Amino acid sequence: MKTRAPLGTLARSNTRCPESGVWESQDYPSTTAPIAEHNNMPLHRGVIVNWKLIQYA
């Protein structure tokens, strides 16, 4: 059984998503997005940002 990344995990734009769930951008104004594991973490407003896992899928 795979161990889940803990809530609060950070991932940077243009890296692989470590856990499927709802992610929140760590910029202002922030946004949330559902992102699936192994997909690339997106840019936000055209900029590289950190994303925080706030909810599991």
PDB file of N, CA and C in Angstrom:
ATOM      1  N   MET A   1       0.837  -1.189   0.000  1.00  0.00           N
ATOM      2  CA  MET A   1       0.000   0.000   0.000  1.00  0.00           C
ATOM      3  C   MET A   1       0.882   1.253   0.000  1.00  0.00           C
ATOM      4  N   LYS A   2       0.555   2.182  -0.866  1.00  0.00           N
ATOM      5  CA  LYS A   2       1.321   3.421  -0.994  1.00  0.00           C
ATOM      6  C   LYS A   2       1.023   4.357   0.185  1.00  0.00           C
ATOM      7  N   THR A   3       2.064   4.967   0.718  1.00  0.00           N
ATOM      8  CA  THR A   3       1.890   5.957   1.773  1.00  0.00           C
ATOM      9  C   THR A   3       1.551   7.294   1.139  1.00  0.00           C
ATOM     10  N   ARG A   4       0.538   7.941   1.660  1.00  0.00           N
ATOM     11  CA  ARG A   4       0.123   9.242   1.126  1.00  0.00           C
ATOM     12  C   ARG A   4       1.067  10.348   1.577  1.00  0.00           C
ATOM     13  N   ALA A   5       1.238  11.316   0.693  1.00  0.00           N
ATOM     14  CA  ALA A   5       1.946  12.532   1.089  1.00  0.00           C
ATOM     15  C   ALA A   5       1.066  13.237   2.124  1.00  0.00           C
ATOM     16  N   PRO A   6       1.636  13.775   3.174  1.00  0.00           N
ATOM     17  CA  PRO A   6       0.811  14.428   4.195  1.00  0.00           C
ATOM     18  C   PRO A   6       0.176  15.719   3.689  1.00  0.00           C
ATOM     19  N   LEU A   7      -1.005  16.036   4.225  1.00  0.00           N
ATOM     20  CA  LEU A   7      -1.604  17.337   3.928  1.00  0.00           C
ATOM     21  C   LEU A   7      -0.601  18.402   4.334  1.00  0.00           C
ATOM     22  N   GLY A   8      -0.513  19.449   3.550  1.00  0.00           N
ATOM     23  CA  GLY A   8       0.471  20.494   3.801  1.00  0.00           C
ATOM     24  C   GLY A   8       1.728  20.329   2.966  1.00  0.00           C
ATOM     25  N   THR A   9       1.850  19.189   2.255  1.00  0.00           N
ATOM     26  CA  THR A   9       2.988  18.976   1.368  1.00  0.00           C
ATOM     27  C   THR A   9       3.045  20.087   0.329  1.00  0.00           C
ATOM     28  N   LEU A  10       4.244  20.555   0.016  1.00  0.00           N
ATOM     29  CA  LEU A  10       4.437  21.582  -0.991  1.00  0.00           C
ATOM     30  C   LEU A  10       5.037  20.977  -2.254  1.00  0.00           C
ATOM     31  N   ALA A  11       4.597  21.492  -3.398  1.00  0.00           N
ATOM     32  CA  ALA A  11       5.156  21.095  -4.690  1.00  0.00           C
ATOM     33  C   ALA A  11       5.237  22.343  -5.563  1.00  0.00           C
ATOM     34  N   ARG A  12       6.287  22.454  -6.333  1.00  0.00           N
ATOM     35  CA  ARG A  12       6.532  23.635  -7.162  1.00  0.00           C
ATOM     36  C   ARG A  12       6.004  23.421  -8.582  1.00  0.00           C
ATOM     37  N   SER A  13       5.570  24.501  -9.203  1.00  0.00           N
ATOM     38  CA  SER A  13       5.152  24.444 -10.609  1.00  0.00           C
ATOM     39  C   SER A  13       6.231  23.755 -11.439  1.00  0.00           C
ATOM     40  N   ASN A  14       5.796  23.029 -12.471  1.00  0.00           N
ATOM     41  CA  ASN A  14       6.677  22.321 -13.402  1.00  0.00           C
ATOM     42  C   ASN A  14       7.372  21.108 -12.797  1.00  0.00           C
ATOM     43  N   THR A  15       6.915  20.636 -11.617  1.00  0.00           N
ATOM     44  CA  THR A  15       7.387  19.368 -11.063  1.00  0.00           C
ATOM     45  C   THR A  15       6.216  18.396 -11.077  1.00  0.00           C
ATOM     46  N   ARG A  16       6.496  17.126 -10.860  1.00  0.00           N
ATOM     47  CA  ARG A  16       5.433  16.110 -10.845  1.00  0.00           C
ATOM     48  C   ARG A  16       4.635  16.196  -9.547  1.00  0.00           C
ATOM     49  N   CYS A  17       3.326  16.089  -9.667  1.00  0.00           N
ATOM     50  CA  CYS A  17       2.449  16.107  -8.503  1.00  0.00           C
ATOM     51  C   CYS A  17       2.672  14.834  -7.687  1.00  0.00           C
ATOM     52  N   PRO A  18       2.966  14.958  -6.385  1.00  0.00           N
ATOM     53  CA  PRO A  18       3.247  13.777  -5.574  1.00  0.00           C
ATOM     54  C   PRO A  18       2.004  13.059  -5.043  1.00  0.00           C
ATOM     55  N   GLU A  19       0.826  13.712  -5.104  1.00  0.00           N
ATOM     56  CA  GLU A  19      -0.390  13.132  -4.522  1.00  0.00           C
ATOM     57  C   GLU A  19      -1.619  13.749  -5.179  1.00  0.00           C
ATOM     58  N   SER A  20      -2.571  12.906  -5.574  1.00  0.00           N
ATOM     59  CA  SER A  20      -3.824  13.427  -6.137  1.00  0.00           C
ATOM     60  C   SER A  20      -4.624  14.134  -5.060  1.00  0.00           C
ATOM     61  N   GLY A  21      -5.156  15.288  -5.400  1.00  0.00           N
ATOM     62  CA  GLY A  21      -5.968  16.013  -4.437  1.00  0.00           C
ATOM     63  C   GLY A  21      -6.210  17.439  -4.875  1.00  0.00           C
ATOM     64  N   VAL A  22      -6.653  18.233  -3.920  1.00  0.00           N
ATOM     65  CA  VAL A  22      -6.875  19.661  -4.156  1.00  0.00           C
ATOM     66  C   VAL A  22      -5.652  20.400  -3.630  1.00  0.00           C
ATOM     67  N   TRP A  23      -5.097  21.230  -4.491  1.00  0.00           N
ATOM     68  CA  TRP A  23      -3.885  21.985  -4.187  1.00  0.00           C
ATOM     69  C   TRP A  23      -4.202  23.472  -4.199  1.00  0.00           C
ATOM     70  N   GLU A  24      -3.556  24.215  -3.307  1.00  0.00           N
ATOM     71  CA  GLU A  24      -3.753  25.666  -3.208  1.00  0.00           C
ATOM     72  C   GLU A  24      -2.445  26.370  -3.529  1.00  0.00           C
ATOM     73  N   SER A  25      -2.526  27.349  -4.435  1.00  0.00           N
ATOM     74  CA  SER A  25      -1.323  28.114  -4.768  1.00  0.00           C
ATOM     75  C   SER A  25      -0.918  28.961  -3.567  1.00  0.00           C
ATOM     76  N   GLN A  26       0.378  29.115  -3.394  1.00  0.00           N
ATOM     77  CA  GLN A  26       0.906  29.867  -2.255  1.00  0.00           C
ATOM     78  C   GLN A  26       1.364  31.250  -2.705  1.00  0.00           C
ATOM     79  N   ASP A  27       0.435  31.950  -3.350  1.00  0.00           N
ATOM     80  CA  ASP A  27       0.686  33.320  -3.784  1.00  0.00           C
ATOM     81  C   ASP A  27      -0.587  34.112  -3.550  1.00  0.00           C
ATOM     82  N   TYR A  28      -0.601  35.371  -3.967  1.00  0.00           N
ATOM     83  CA  TYR A  28      -1.777  36.211  -3.772  1.00  0.00           C
ATOM     84  C   TYR A  28      -2.144  36.883  -5.076  1.00  0.00           C
ATOM     85  N   PRO A  29      -3.411  36.824  -5.485  1.00  0.00           N
ATOM     86  CA  PRO A  29      -4.464  36.021  -4.859  1.00  0.00           C
ATOM     87  C   PRO A  29      -4.264  34.548  -5.183  1.00  0.00           C
ATOM     88  N   SER A  30      -4.570  33.710  -4.204  1.00  0.00           N
ATOM     89  CA  SER A  30      -4.371  32.276  -4.391  1.00  0.00           C
ATOM     90  C   SER A  30      -5.563  31.663  -5.121  1.00  0.00           C
ATOM     91  N   THR A  31      -5.385  30.424  -5.540  1.00  0.00           N
ATOM     92  CA  THR A  31      -6.451  29.659  -6.170  1.00  0.00           C
ATOM     93  C   THR A  31      -6.291  28.207  -5.754  1.00  0.00           C
ATOM     94  N   THR A  32      -7.305  27.416  -5.990  1.00  0.00           N
ATOM     95  CA  THR A  32      -7.203  25.977  -5.752  1.00  0.00           C
ATOM     96  C   THR A  32      -7.431  25.245  -7.063  1.00  0.00           C
ATOM     97  N   ALA A  33      -6.881  24.036  -7.145  1.00  0.00           N
ATOM     98  CA  ALA A  33      -7.040  23.234  -8.358  1.00  0.00           C
ATOM     99  C   ALA A  33      -6.944  21.758  -8.000  1.00  0.00           C
ATOM    100  N   PRO A  34      -7.801  20.926  -8.608  1.00  0.00           N
ATOM    101  CA  PRO A  34      -7.637  19.484  -8.449  1.00  0.00           C
ATOM    102  C   PRO A  34      -6.525  19.019  -9.394  1.00  0.00           C
ATOM    103  N   ILE A  35      -5.539  18.325  -8.853  1.00  0.00           N
ATOM    104  CA  ILE A  35      -4.405  17.886  -9.664  1.00  0.00           C
ATOM    105  C   ILE A  35      -4.160  16.417  -9.356  1.00  0.00           C
ATOM    106  N   ALA A  36      -4.012  15.623 -10.406  1.00  0.00           N
ATOM    107  CA  ALA A  36      -3.795  14.190 -10.253  1.00  0.00           C
ATOM    108  C   ALA A  36      -2.312  13.872 -10.102  1.00  0.00           C
ATOM    109  N   GLU A  37      -2.030  12.853  -9.305  1.00  0.00           N
ATOM    110  CA  GLU A  37      -0.660  12.387  -9.099  1.00  0.00           C
ATOM    111  C   GLU A  37       0.026  12.136 -10.438  1.00  0.00           C
ATOM    112  N   HIS A  38       1.266  12.505 -10.524  1.00  0.00           N
ATOM    113  CA  HIS A  38       2.149  12.341 -11.693  1.00  0.00           C
ATOM    114  C   HIS A  38       1.926  13.394 -12.778  1.00  0.00           C
ATOM    115  N   ASN A  39       0.861  14.199 -12.710  1.00  0.00           N
ATOM    116  CA  ASN A  39       0.710  15.318 -13.650  1.00  0.00           C
ATOM    117  C   ASN A  39       1.682  16.415 -13.247  1.00  0.00           C
ATOM    118  N   ASN A  40       1.991  17.309 -14.181  1.00  0.00           N
ATOM    119  CA  ASN A  40       2.846  18.441 -13.846  1.00  0.00           C
ATOM    120  C   ASN A  40       2.065  19.462 -13.045  1.00  0.00           C
ATOM    121  N   MET A  41       2.704  20.011 -12.027  1.00  0.00           N
ATOM    122  CA  MET A  41       2.080  21.089 -11.258  1.00  0.00           C
ATOM    123  C   MET A  41       2.040  22.323 -12.158  1.00  0.00           C
ATOM    124  N   PRO A  42       0.887  23.002 -12.200  1.00  0.00           N
ATOM    125  CA  PRO A  42       0.720  24.106 -13.146  1.00  0.00           C
ATOM    126  C   PRO A  42       1.349  25.417 -12.674  1.00  0.00           C
ATOM    127  N   LEU A  43       1.512  26.306 -13.630  1.00  0.00           N
ATOM    128  CA  LEU A  43       1.830  27.697 -13.310  1.00  0.00           C
ATOM    129  C   LEU A  43       0.551  28.328 -12.776  1.00  0.00           C
ATOM    130  N   HIS A  44       0.668  29.441 -12.067  1.00  0.00           N
ATOM    131  CA  HIS A  44      -0.508  30.217 -11.667  1.00  0.00           C
ATOM    132  C   HIS A  44      -0.306  31.643 -12.148  1.00  0.00           C
ATOM    133  N   ARG A  45      -1.237  32.082 -12.971  1.00  0.00           N
ATOM    134  CA  ARG A  45      -1.161  33.414 -13.574  1.00  0.00           C
ATOM    135  C   ARG A  45       0.137  33.575 -14.367  1.00  0.00           C
ATOM    136  N   GLY A  46       0.589  32.451 -14.962  1.00  0.00           N
ATOM    137  CA  GLY A  46       1.778  32.466 -15.801  1.00  0.00           C
ATOM    138  C   GLY A  46       3.094  32.470 -15.042  1.00  0.00           C
ATOM    139  N   VAL A  47       3.041  32.224 -13.733  1.00  0.00           N
ATOM    140  CA  VAL A  47       4.228  32.316 -12.887  1.00  0.00           C
ATOM    141  C   VAL A  47       4.451  30.992 -12.150  1.00  0.00           C
ATOM    142  N   ILE A  48       5.709  30.630 -11.935  1.00  0.00           N
ATOM    143  CA  ILE A  48       6.046  29.466 -11.116  1.00  0.00           C
ATOM    144  C   ILE A  48       5.734  29.785  -9.663  1.00  0.00           C
ATOM    145  N   VAL A  49       4.965  28.894  -9.026  1.00  0.00           N
ATOM    146  CA  VAL A  49       4.583  29.083  -7.620  1.00  0.00           C
ATOM    147  C   VAL A  49       4.718  27.760  -6.883  1.00  0.00           C
ATOM    148  N   ASN A  50       4.657  27.828  -5.570  1.00  0.00           N
ATOM    149  CA  ASN A  50       4.531  26.634  -4.751  1.00  0.00           C
ATOM    150  C   ASN A  50       3.051  26.342  -4.574  1.00  0.00           C
ATOM    151  N   TRP A  51       2.714  25.062  -4.539  1.00  0.00           N
ATOM    152  CA  TRP A  51       1.353  24.583  -4.311  1.00  0.00           C
ATOM    153  C   TRP A  51       1.345  23.762  -3.040  1.00  0.00           C
ATOM    154  N   LYS A  52       0.265  23.899  -2.245  1.00  0.00           N
ATOM    155  CA  LYS A  52       0.135  23.155  -0.985  1.00  0.00           C
ATOM    156  C   LYS A  52      -1.045  22.211  -1.064  1.00  0.00           C
ATOM    157  N   LEU A  53      -0.825  20.953  -0.711  1.00  0.00           N
ATOM    158  CA  LEU A  53      -1.899  19.958  -0.678  1.00  0.00           C
ATOM    159  C   LEU A  53      -2.825  20.252   0.482  1.00  0.00           C
ATOM    160  N   ILE A  54      -4.112  20.511   0.179  1.00  0.00           N
ATOM    161  CA  ILE A  54      -5.051  20.854   1.243  1.00  0.00           C
ATOM    162  C   ILE A  54      -6.167  19.822   1.424  1.00  0.00           C
ATOM    163  N   GLN A  55      -6.328  18.904   0.444  1.00  0.00           N
ATOM    164  CA  GLN A  55      -7.381  17.900   0.546  1.00  0.00           C
ATOM    165  C   GLN A  55      -7.031  16.722  -0.352  1.00  0.00           C
ATOM    166  N   TYR A  56      -7.264  15.512   0.138  1.00  0.00           N
ATOM    167  CA  TYR A  56      -7.039  14.326  -0.685  1.00  0.00           C
ATOM    168  C   TYR A  56      -8.170  14.150  -1.691  1.00  0.00           C
ATOM    169  N   ALA A  57      -7.854  13.500  -2.818  1.00  0.00           N
ATOM    170  CA  ALA A  57      -8.867  13.209  -3.841  1.00  0.00           C
ATOM    171  C   ALA A  57      -9.732  12.053  -3.391  1.00  0.00           C
TER     172      ALA A  57
END
